[in-house]
Amino acid sequence: MQISKQLLTDCKRKDRKAQFALYKSCFSILMGVCMRYKRNQEDAAALVNEGFLKILNNLDKYNTEIPFEAWIKRIMINTVIDEFRKNRKVQELIEYSDFENEEQYADQFDYNEADKQFDAEDIEAIIQELPPMSQKVFNLYAIDGYTHKEIGKMLDISDGTSKWHLNSARKKIKELLVKYRSSKKVKSN
């Protein structure tokens, strides 16, 4: 992603056309981050708008030695976490489906097979089926590269709870990969 210094300068001066050009340039990256954490596009798009406003308001703090894409992703992730904290008590209860059959799936699937059998949309759909808290922890740890200690601080949970959610997410993903694989075989036959 190449963003010109002039575009950033114009955005800092509140030039609406420059801000819109920056928005268009950043939208797909920011939406990609949000879709990992939200279950539908409308909620993700609303979060993108909120995050982009923070980006515009903090352009003066941007350090040009850091890649712009990394900087905006970090702001977007922080926006997702802020939104989660704000709505945590109201909308998120820990939802866990029955894991009675998880043992039967444990040895049936190799994660490396997933690259061969599933496209990105399939894997995104599987991650979207995780319980909300496990989905957040999985995304922050496996995709965004945060440690359990950092995740604990962001989500106001213990390191151990973060590890538990990651383990739970991995088990559920393994189970869902087997189910998706079975349904793909049925559809292709």
C-alpha atoms as a PDB file:
ATOM      1  CA  MET A   1       0.000   0.000   0.000  1.00  0.00           C
ATOM      2  CA  GLN A   2       1.545   3.261  -1.125  1.00  0.00           C
ATOM      3  CA  ILE A   3       0.157   6.434   0.378  1.00  0.00           C
ATOM      4  CA  SER A   4       1.779   9.663  -0.728  1.00  0.00           C
ATOM      5  CA  LYS A   5       3.043  12.156   1.825  1.00  0.00           C
ATOM      6  CA  GLN A   6       1.055  14.822   0.013  1.00  0.00           C
ATOM      7  CA  LEU A   7      -2.187  12.900   0.492  1.00  0.00           C
ATOM      8  CA  LEU A   8      -1.489  12.589   4.219  1.00  0.00           C
ATOM      9  CA  THR A   9      -0.622  16.295   4.424  1.00  0.00           C
ATOM     10  CA  ASP A  10      -3.869  17.196   2.663  1.00  0.00           C
ATOM     11  CA  CYS A  11      -5.803  14.923   5.031  1.00  0.00           C
ATOM     12  CA  LYS A  12      -4.231  16.633   8.039  1.00  0.00           C
ATOM     13  CA  ARG A  13      -5.475  19.961   6.617  1.00  0.00           C
ATOM     14  CA  LYS A  14      -9.024  18.514   6.598  1.00  0.00           C
ATOM     15  CA  ASP A  15      -9.256  18.367   2.786  1.00  0.00           C
ATOM     16  CA  ARG A  16     -12.425  16.275   2.272  1.00  0.00           C
ATOM     17  CA  LYS A  17     -11.402  15.014  -1.171  1.00  0.00           C
ATOM     18  CA  ALA A  18      -8.056  13.835   0.183  1.00  0.00           C
ATOM     19  CA  GLN A  19      -9.777  12.168   3.138  1.00  0.00           C
ATOM     20  CA  PHE A  20     -12.139  10.344   0.789  1.00  0.00           C
ATOM     21  CA  ALA A  21      -9.196   9.250  -1.391  1.00  0.00           C
ATOM     22  CA  LEU A  22      -7.429   7.920   1.707  1.00  0.00           C
ATOM     23  CA  TYR A  23     -10.621   6.160   2.810  1.00  0.00           C
ATOM     24  CA  LYS A  24     -10.924   4.421  -0.568  1.00  0.00           C
ATOM     25  CA  SER A  25      -7.260   3.378  -0.395  1.00  0.00           C
ATOM     26  CA  CYS A  26      -7.575   1.962   3.118  1.00  0.00           C
ATOM     27  CA  PHE A  27     -11.083   0.503   3.002  1.00  0.00           C
ATOM     28  CA  SER A  28     -10.273  -3.047   1.847  1.00  0.00           C
ATOM     29  CA  ILE A  29      -7.471  -3.443   4.387  1.00  0.00           C
ATOM     30  CA  LEU A  30      -9.588  -2.112   7.250  1.00  0.00           C
ATOM     31  CA  MET A  31     -12.616  -4.143   6.182  1.00  0.00           C
ATOM     32  CA  GLY A  32     -10.467  -7.266   6.109  1.00  0.00           C
ATOM     33  CA  VAL A  33      -9.486  -6.676   9.728  1.00  0.00           C
ATOM     34  CA  CYS A  34     -13.084  -6.008  10.791  1.00  0.00           C
ATOM     35  CA  MET A  35     -14.525  -9.041   9.008  1.00  0.00           C
ATOM     36  CA  ARG A  36     -12.296 -11.284  11.103  1.00  0.00           C
ATOM     37  CA  TYR A  37     -14.049  -9.986  14.213  1.00  0.00           C
ATOM     38  CA  LYS A  38     -17.604  -9.206  13.100  1.00  0.00           C
ATOM     39  CA  ARG A  39     -20.257 -11.616  11.917  1.00  0.00           C
ATOM     40  CA  ASN A  40     -21.775  -9.448   9.189  1.00  0.00           C
ATOM     41  CA  GLN A  41     -20.658  -6.812   6.692  1.00  0.00           C
ATOM     42  CA  GLU A  42     -22.881  -4.041   8.033  1.00  0.00           C
ATOM     43  CA  ASP A  43     -21.344  -4.210  11.504  1.00  0.00           C
ATOM     44  CA  ALA A  44     -17.864  -4.484  10.008  1.00  0.00           C
ATOM     45  CA  ALA A  45     -18.441  -1.460   7.748  1.00  0.00           C
ATOM     46  CA  ALA A  46     -19.700   0.606  10.694  1.00  0.00           C
ATOM     47  CA  LEU A  47     -16.577  -0.333  12.608  1.00  0.00           C
ATOM     48  CA  VAL A  48     -14.396   0.599   9.614  1.00  0.00           C
ATOM     49  CA  ASN A  49     -15.941   4.065   9.651  1.00  0.00           C
ATOM     50  CA  GLU A  50     -15.296   4.432  13.366  1.00  0.00           C
ATOM     51  CA  GLY A  51     -11.700   3.263  12.956  1.00  0.00           C
ATOM     52  CA  PHE A  52     -11.084   5.509   9.959  1.00  0.00           C
ATOM     53  CA  LEU A  53     -12.242   8.514  11.960  1.00  0.00           C
ATOM     54  CA  LYS A  54      -9.626   7.612  14.582  1.00  0.00           C
ATOM     55  CA  ILE A  55      -7.009   7.327  11.834  1.00  0.00           C
ATOM     56  CA  LEU A  56      -7.873  10.797  10.545  1.00  0.00           C
ATOM     57  CA  ASN A  57      -7.864  12.279  14.045  1.00  0.00           C
ATOM     58  CA  ASN A  58      -4.452  10.783  14.798  1.00  0.00           C
ATOM     59  CA  LEU A  59      -2.599  11.441  11.537  1.00  0.00           C
ATOM     60  CA  ASP A  60      -0.405  13.968  13.359  1.00  0.00           C
ATOM     61  CA  LYS A  61       0.861  11.114  15.541  1.00  0.00           C
ATOM     62  CA  TYR A  62       1.775   8.869  12.584  1.00  0.00           C
ATOM     63  CA  ASN A  63       5.487   8.015  12.526  1.00  0.00           C
ATOM     64  CA  THR A  64       6.600   7.759   8.878  1.00  0.00           C
ATOM     65  CA  GLU A  65       9.241   5.177   9.840  1.00  0.00           C
ATOM     66  CA  ILE A  66       6.426   2.687  10.464  1.00  0.00           C
ATOM     67  CA  PRO A  67       4.607   1.291   7.403  1.00  0.00           C
ATOM     68  CA  PHE A  68       1.280   3.098   7.046  1.00  0.00           C
ATOM     69  CA  GLU A  69      -0.585  -0.182   6.533  1.00  0.00           C
ATOM     70  CA  ALA A  70       0.720  -1.602   9.828  1.00  0.00           C
ATOM     71  CA  TRP A  71      -0.205   1.611  11.629  1.00  0.00           C
ATOM     72  CA  ILE A  72      -3.812   1.660  10.353  1.00  0.00           C
ATOM     73  CA  LYS A  73      -4.251  -2.052  11.093  1.00  0.00           C
ATOM     74  CA  ARG A  74      -3.157  -1.468  14.677  1.00  0.00           C
ATOM     75  CA  ILE A  75      -5.641   1.396  15.046  1.00  0.00           C
ATOM     76  CA  MET A  76      -8.377  -0.791  13.543  1.00  0.00           C
ATOM     77  CA  ILE A  77      -7.637  -3.673  15.913  1.00  0.00           C
ATOM     78  CA  ASN A  78      -7.680  -1.267  18.849  1.00  0.00           C
ATOM     79  CA  THR A  79     -11.031   0.069  17.621  1.00  0.00           C
ATOM     80  CA  VAL A  80     -12.407  -3.486  17.489  1.00  0.00           C
ATOM     81  CA  ILE A  81     -11.176  -4.125  21.031  1.00  0.00           C
ATOM     82  CA  ASP A  82     -12.635  -0.817  22.264  1.00  0.00           C
ATOM     83  CA  GLU A  83     -15.989  -1.675  20.707  1.00  0.00           C
ATOM     84  CA  PHE A  84     -15.884  -5.115  22.281  1.00  0.00           C
ATOM     85  CA  ARG A  85     -15.180  -3.687  25.720  1.00  0.00           C
ATOM     86  CA  LYS A  86     -17.937  -1.105  25.346  1.00  0.00           C
ATOM     87  CA  ASN A  87     -20.560  -3.703  24.396  1.00  0.00           C
ATOM     88  CA  ARG A  88     -19.220  -6.671  26.331  1.00  0.00           C
ATOM     89  CA  LYS A  89     -21.699  -6.598  29.180  1.00  0.00           C
ATOM     90  CA  VAL A  90     -24.684  -6.074  26.937  1.00  0.00           C
ATOM     91  CA  GLN A  91     -24.288  -8.414  23.997  1.00  0.00           C
ATOM     92  CA  GLU A  92     -21.639 -11.017  24.607  1.00  0.00           C
ATOM     93  CA  LEU A  93     -22.264 -14.048  26.719  1.00  0.00           C
ATOM     94  CA  ILE A  94     -19.917 -16.953  26.355  1.00  0.00           C
ATOM     95  CA  GLU A  95     -21.605 -19.301  23.918  1.00  0.00           C
ATOM     96  CA  TYR A  96     -20.266 -22.763  23.587  1.00  0.00           C
ATOM     97  CA  SER A  97     -21.777 -25.513  21.605  1.00  0.00           C
ATOM     98  CA  ASP A  98     -21.674 -29.119  22.632  1.00  0.00           C
ATOM     99  CA  PHE A  99     -18.215 -30.612  22.213  1.00  0.00           C
ATOM    100  CA  GLU A 100     -19.322 -34.214  22.835  1.00  0.00           C
ATOM    101  CA  ASN A 101     -18.054 -35.324  19.441  1.00  0.00           C
ATOM    102  CA  GLU A 102     -14.739 -33.467  19.487  1.00  0.00           C
ATOM    103  CA  GLU A 103     -12.759 -36.646  20.248  1.00  0.00           C
ATOM    104  CA  GLN A 104     -13.997 -38.333  17.068  1.00  0.00           C
ATOM    105  CA  TYR A 105     -12.558 -35.476  15.012  1.00  0.00           C
ATOM    106  CA  ALA A 106      -9.216 -35.205  16.777  1.00  0.00           C
ATOM    107  CA  ASP A 107      -7.257 -37.570  14.532  1.00  0.00           C
ATOM    108  CA  GLN A 108      -9.239 -37.170  11.315  1.00  0.00           C
ATOM    109  CA  PHE A 109      -7.833 -33.935  10.004  1.00  0.00           C
ATOM    110  CA  ASP A 110      -4.390 -32.495   9.397  1.00  0.00           C
ATOM    111  CA  TYR A 111      -4.339 -28.675   9.361  1.00  0.00           C
ATOM    112  CA  ASN A 112      -1.987 -28.684   6.363  1.00  0.00           C
ATOM    113  CA  GLU A 113      -4.728 -30.423   4.380  1.00  0.00           C
ATOM    114  CA  ALA A 114      -6.867 -27.335   4.882  1.00  0.00           C
ATOM    115  CA  ASP A 115      -4.708 -25.347   2.449  1.00  0.00           C
ATOM    116  CA  LYS A 116      -5.351 -27.944  -0.238  1.00  0.00           C
ATOM    117  CA  GLN A 117      -9.066 -28.445   0.330  1.00  0.00           C
ATOM    118  CA  PHE A 118     -10.471 -25.079   1.385  1.00  0.00           C
ATOM    119  CA  ASP A 119     -10.358 -21.613  -0.070  1.00  0.00           C
ATOM    120  CA  ALA A 120     -10.089 -18.438   2.007  1.00  0.00           C
ATOM    121  CA  GLU A 121     -13.867 -17.930   2.070  1.00  0.00           C
ATOM    122  CA  ASP A 122     -14.400 -21.412   3.537  1.00  0.00           C
ATOM    123  CA  ILE A 123     -11.854 -20.780   6.273  1.00  0.00           C
ATOM    124  CA  GLU A 124     -13.326 -17.338   7.033  1.00  0.00           C
ATOM    125  CA  ALA A 125     -16.781 -18.928   7.293  1.00  0.00           C
ATOM    126  CA  ILE A 126     -15.432 -21.517   9.724  1.00  0.00           C
ATOM    127  CA  ILE A 127     -13.823 -18.824  11.905  1.00  0.00           C
ATOM    128  CA  GLN A 128     -17.096 -16.854  11.846  1.00  0.00           C
ATOM    129  CA  GLU A 129     -18.853 -19.882  13.401  1.00  0.00           C
ATOM    130  CA  LEU A 130     -16.705 -19.732  16.537  1.00  0.00           C
ATOM    131  CA  PRO A 131     -18.227 -18.369  19.742  1.00  0.00           C
ATOM    132  CA  PRO A 132     -17.572 -14.593  19.899  1.00  0.00           C
ATOM    133  CA  MET A 133     -14.892 -14.559  22.595  1.00  0.00           C
ATOM    134  CA  SER A 134     -13.044 -17.571  21.173  1.00  0.00           C
ATOM    135  CA  GLN A 135     -13.173 -15.958  17.728  1.00  0.00           C
ATOM    136  CA  LYS A 136     -11.603 -12.748  19.059  1.00  0.00           C
ATOM    137  CA  VAL A 137      -8.851 -14.607  20.913  1.00  0.00           C
ATOM    138  CA  PHE A 138      -8.137 -16.852  17.912  1.00  0.00           C
ATOM    139  CA  ASN A 139      -7.902 -13.876  15.535  1.00  0.00           C
ATOM    140  CA  LEU A 140      -5.725 -11.841  17.884  1.00  0.00           C
ATOM    141  CA  TYR A 141      -3.368 -14.757  18.565  1.00  0.00           C
ATOM    142  CA  ALA A 142      -3.228 -16.756  15.328  1.00  0.00           C
ATOM    143  CA  ILE A 143      -3.742 -14.004  12.756  1.00  0.00           C
ATOM    144  CA  ASP A 144      -2.646 -10.746  14.355  1.00  0.00           C
ATOM    145  CA  GLY A 145       0.234 -12.240  16.362  1.00  0.00           C
ATOM    146  CA  TYR A 146      -0.535 -10.990  19.866  1.00  0.00           C
ATOM    147  CA  THR A 147       0.630 -12.921  22.952  1.00  0.00           C
ATOM    148  CA  HIS A 148      -1.786 -14.300  25.518  1.00  0.00           C
ATOM    149  CA  LYS A 149      -0.598 -11.646  27.950  1.00  0.00           C
ATOM    150  CA  GLU A 150      -1.396  -8.856  25.443  1.00  0.00           C
ATOM    151  CA  ILE A 151      -4.753 -10.432  24.598  1.00  0.00           C
ATOM    152  CA  GLY A 152      -5.567 -10.699  28.296  1.00  0.00           C
ATOM    153  CA  LYS A 153      -4.931  -6.994  28.780  1.00  0.00           C
ATOM    154  CA  MET A 154      -6.916  -6.024  25.674  1.00  0.00           C
ATOM    155  CA  LEU A 155      -9.960  -8.146  26.512  1.00  0.00           C
ATOM    156  CA  ASP A 156      -9.705  -7.834  30.292  1.00  0.00           C
ATOM    157  CA  ILE A 157      -9.281 -11.591  30.808  1.00  0.00           C
ATOM    158  CA  SER A 158      -6.485 -13.667  32.318  1.00  0.00           C
ATOM    159  CA  ASP A 159      -3.683 -15.228  30.262  1.00  0.00           C
ATOM    160  CA  GLY A 160      -5.089 -18.644  31.172  1.00  0.00           C
ATOM    161  CA  THR A 161      -8.550 -17.706  29.923  1.00  0.00           C
ATOM    162  CA  SER A 162      -7.006 -16.508  26.663  1.00  0.00           C
ATOM    163  CA  LYS A 163      -5.193 -19.843  26.289  1.00  0.00           C
ATOM    164  CA  TRP A 164      -8.408 -21.711  27.041  1.00  0.00           C
ATOM    165  CA  HIS A 165     -10.316 -19.777  24.368  1.00  0.00           C
ATOM    166  CA  LEU A 166      -7.542 -20.430  21.826  1.00  0.00           C
ATOM    167  CA  ASN A 167      -7.591 -24.153  22.606  1.00  0.00           C
ATOM    168  CA  SER A 168     -11.378 -24.200  22.413  1.00  0.00           C
ATOM    169  CA  ALA A 169     -11.284 -22.361  19.073  1.00  0.00           C
ATOM    170  CA  ARG A 170      -8.742 -24.806  17.642  1.00  0.00           C
ATOM    171  CA  LYS A 171     -10.872 -27.790  18.649  1.00  0.00           C
ATOM    172  CA  LYS A 172     -13.989 -26.233  17.167  1.00  0.00           C
ATOM    173  CA  ILE A 173     -12.139 -25.324  13.953  1.00  0.00           C
ATOM    174  CA  LYS A 174     -10.892 -28.892  13.621  1.00  0.00           C
ATOM    175  CA  GLU A 175     -14.454 -30.162  14.074  1.00  0.00           C
ATOM    176  CA  LEU A 176     -15.825 -27.673  11.537  1.00  0.00           C
ATOM    177  CA  LEU A 177     -13.089 -28.460   9.000  1.00  0.00           C
ATOM    178  CA  VAL A 178     -14.118 -32.122   9.067  1.00  0.00           C
ATOM    179  CA  LYS A 179     -17.784 -31.195   8.655  1.00  0.00           C
ATOM    180  CA  TYR A 180     -17.045 -28.771   5.801  1.00  0.00           C
ATOM    181  CA  ARG A 181     -14.851 -31.366   4.098  1.00  0.00           C
ATOM    182  CA  SER A 182     -17.646 -33.937   4.353  1.00  0.00           C
ATOM    183  CA  SER A 183     -20.229 -31.515   2.972  1.00  0.00           C
ATOM    184  CA  LYS A 184     -17.923 -30.559   0.060  1.00  0.00           C
ATOM    185  CA  LYS A 185     -17.486 -34.253  -0.872  1.00  0.00           C
ATOM    186  CA  VAL A 186     -21.247 -34.730  -0.830  1.00  0.00           C
ATOM    187  CA  LYS A 187     -21.819 -31.637  -3.008  1.00  0.00           C
ATOM    188  CA  SER A 188     -19.104 -32.558  -5.529  1.00  0.00           C
ATOM    189  CA  ASN A 189     -20.377 -36.128  -5.998  1.00  0.00           C
END
